[in-house]
């Protein structure tokens, strides 16, 4: 067998209180796409951050074509031909594509010609099927285009190994398909790609091999064609997952939430919602798809009373609640599961009891006084009912994992039996088991009769949970909501990209 291009042998890495990697072995061949699969917290990003020079291992060695190498920084890694594209891009918004790519390149002379570099980068990007405009400024580009800039930056630096961390997290289906085609071009040219992911469909679509991490250890490495989706899922979590609940047809009950011609400004003073009208019925989930920055945050904040409407009206169960404020909406039965769990949702330095009290403190038996014994009993009941794993009720919630944070947040928000739930990216960053639990809870509330406004960039979640699907583009809905059974994933993706002429089947 040929010597692997990269070998990571017996790699261990600890952080305070956490063993992130435990004697992990990993091999990458030349010209292959190797998926690194695992739940959140399994250690996959830590392992690749070691290969990318961001961390140094506590033990173990890294070999390049059989020779030991010492990677003390990302610059060292790039020198050896290893580059990492992070989930959150590291680009300067006001610079051009060319300026971002050559930034930090010590080979450039003091006086350099942008036009010459633009021609060079245009040829490089065309060679790998990466369509980027060297003269465009980053703020003018879509998320998918920005990702291509990051990839071209690594290719410009001569990287033979490209590490992609959750690359499709914020891409439309069309952009994800383009990325996979580009990865095949790179593979055919002899480049090697490590794909960090927790999405099983991506592994099945492009990976030549897959290594599965669980609890910091490599539990399996499989060749393409030797595994099924179900086998990968079981290897990730260490047990068989329960079957997914079926989505039923929505019951067109009374309208719980109604927005008429809602217009609201964003933080920078721009129009974020533009004459938006929609309805959410009791006992249904309305999924809101869209590329980030098209008014999703502002929509959630308007419905939950955190942002005022400039014009238009909002009704809850037929009552005009326009600009009535957070407290009035809470009393009306509105629950909010925000995108930012630690910050907007929970207070990091407070314990579980105090975080639960944030919603219930106004309902004490005596004004101005809080019954902490009752609050503690209530929190214990919620923690048990929602399977929140925590060291103690008195520990700061910032010590909890992402899945347990989300369970605690859901426990607080769902305990009051809300009539309307606004859930923003509720599965983001969760491992496969925690995400399934959140989906189960949302479906349970839907079946109880709650109206749910589900906002997500992940079309898998939108299609799996929604009874109807709407696309938010530039603060409005280009087409009316579509019944989920009739929705077409490709057409939804085109609507997300701003193609308003798409003919839907709703």
Foldseek 3Di string as FASTA:
>chain_A
DFQFQKWWFQFWADDVVATLAGGAIDTFHWLFEEEEAAFQSLNPVVVVCCLQQNDPTPDTFMDGSRHTDGRNHNVSNLVSQEHEQEPDGDADQADFLLCRLCVPPPVDDPDDDLVVSQVVLCVQCVQLVQDERRGHGNNVDAPLNSSSSRVSSSVVSVHLEYEYAAPCQQAAPVSVVSVLSSSNSSSVVGGYYYYYDHDLVVCLPHGQKYFYGESNYTDDIDGHPPDDSQRNVCSRVVHGDDDADAADAFDQAQWFKWWAQFWFADPVRHIQAGRATDTWFWLFEEEEAAGPPNNLVVVLCQLQLNGATPDTFMDGSRHTCHNVHNVVVVVQFEFEADPDLDPVQAPQQFFLLVSLCVSVVCPDPDPPDDDSVVSVVLSVVLCVVLVQDDPDRGGGCNPGDPLNSLSSSCSSRPVVLGQEYEHEQSCPSGTPNSSSSVLVVVNVSSNVTHTYHYYGNDVVSCLRRGQWYFYRGNNYTLDYIGGSVQFDSVLSSVVNVPPSVRDGDD
